[in-house]
Amino acid sequence: CMVFYFTSGPGEKAPKGYLLYMGKDKHENEELIKYAWPEDVWFHVDKESSAHVYIRLPRGIHETGPTWYKEIPKNVVEECC
């Protein structure tokens, strides 16, 4: 089982540097969970059975305050779609 991952951007879609991971089924999602960080933001992919994507954010960012997730650029979130 091998999960798909890529670095976003650069360009119109997302700023360069965000690492995005994708699991296309239950088995790949289980692999993603094994290596997840508290800072990772998870999404369920619409119209894809069991598919998930997560954004790997910098270590410790979730400790910067209750609204840390609002700092994720919209275009990075859109690239996950």
Protein backbone atom coordinates (compact mmCIF):
# COMPACT_ATOMS: atom_id res chain seq x y z
CA CYS A 1 0.00 0.00 0.00
CA MET A 2 1.52 3.31 -1.08
CA VAL A 3 -0.09 6.67 -0.44
CA PHE A 4 0.15 9.52 -2.90
CA TYR A 5 1.75 12.78 -1.83
CA PHE A 6 2.92 15.96 -3.50
CA THR A 7 4.12 19.47 -2.75
CA SER A 8 1.69 22.22 -3.69
CA GLY A 9 2.20 25.10 -6.08
CA PRO A 10 3.82 27.31 -7.05
CA GLY A 11 1.39 29.39 -9.01
CA GLU A 12 -2.24 30.28 -8.94
CA LYS A 13 -3.48 27.17 -7.14
CA ALA A 14 -1.40 27.19 -3.97
CA PRO A 15 1.73 28.71 -2.53
CA LYS A 16 4.74 26.47 -2.85
CA GLY A 17 5.71 24.36 0.09
CA TYR A 18 2.58 22.79 1.51
CA LEU A 19 2.83 19.01 1.54
CA LEU A 20 -0.41 17.26 0.61
CA TYR A 21 -1.08 13.54 1.16
CA MET A 22 -3.87 11.50 -0.38
CA GLY A 23 -5.31 8.10 0.46
CA LYS A 24 -7.65 6.66 -2.13
CA ASP A 25 -9.17 3.87 -0.02
CA LYS A 26 -9.51 2.46 3.48
CA HIS A 27 -6.09 0.78 3.38
CA GLU A 28 -4.20 3.87 2.25
CA ASN A 29 -6.06 6.00 4.80
CA GLU A 30 -4.86 3.64 7.54
CA GLU A 31 -1.29 4.24 6.34
CA LEU A 32 -1.88 8.00 6.47
CA ILE A 33 -3.12 7.78 10.05
CA LYS A 34 0.05 5.96 11.12
CA TYR A 35 2.18 8.96 10.20
CA ALA A 36 -0.22 11.81 10.99
CA TRP A 37 0.82 14.83 13.06
CA PRO A 38 -1.52 16.86 15.30
CA GLU A 39 -1.02 19.76 12.85
CA ASP A 40 -2.39 17.83 9.87
CA VAL A 41 -5.72 19.04 8.51
CA TRP A 42 -7.89 16.25 7.07
CA PHE A 43 -10.50 16.38 4.29
CA HIS A 44 -12.85 13.77 2.90
CA VAL A 45 -12.85 13.83 -0.91
CA ASP A 46 -16.37 14.40 -2.23
CA LYS A 47 -17.80 11.68 -4.50
CA GLU A 48 -14.87 9.33 -3.83
CA SER A 49 -15.55 6.41 -1.52
CA SER A 50 -13.15 6.49 1.45
CA ALA A 51 -10.75 8.97 -0.16
CA HIS A 52 -9.02 11.46 2.14
CA VAL A 53 -6.50 14.24 1.73
CA TYR A 54 -4.52 16.00 4.40
CA ILE A 55 -2.35 19.09 4.48
CA ARG A 56 0.90 18.76 6.41
CA LEU A 57 1.42 22.02 8.29
CA PRO A 58 4.54 23.12 10.20
CA ARG A 59 5.17 21.33 13.49
CA GLY A 60 3.69 23.15 16.48
CA ILE A 61 1.40 25.46 14.52
CA HIS A 62 -1.66 24.05 16.32
CA GLU A 63 -0.18 25.40 19.57
CA THR A 64 -0.15 29.03 18.36
CA GLY A 65 -3.77 29.68 19.30
CA PRO A 66 -7.35 28.54 18.72
CA THR A 67 -7.61 29.92 15.18
CA TRP A 68 -4.35 28.54 13.72
CA TYR A 69 -6.23 26.66 11.01
CA LYS A 70 -7.62 29.91 9.61
CA GLU A 71 -4.11 30.80 8.44
CA ILE A 72 -4.20 28.10 5.73
CA PRO A 73 -4.51 29.91 2.38
CA LYS A 74 -7.81 29.25 0.58
CA ASN A 75 -6.02 28.18 -2.57
CA VAL A 76 -4.21 25.42 -0.65
CA VAL A 77 -7.55 24.10 0.60
CA GLU A 78 -8.96 24.29 -2.94
CA GLU A 79 -6.03 22.28 -4.27
CA CYS A 80 -7.09 19.47 -1.91
CA CYS A 81 -10.42 19.31 -3.70
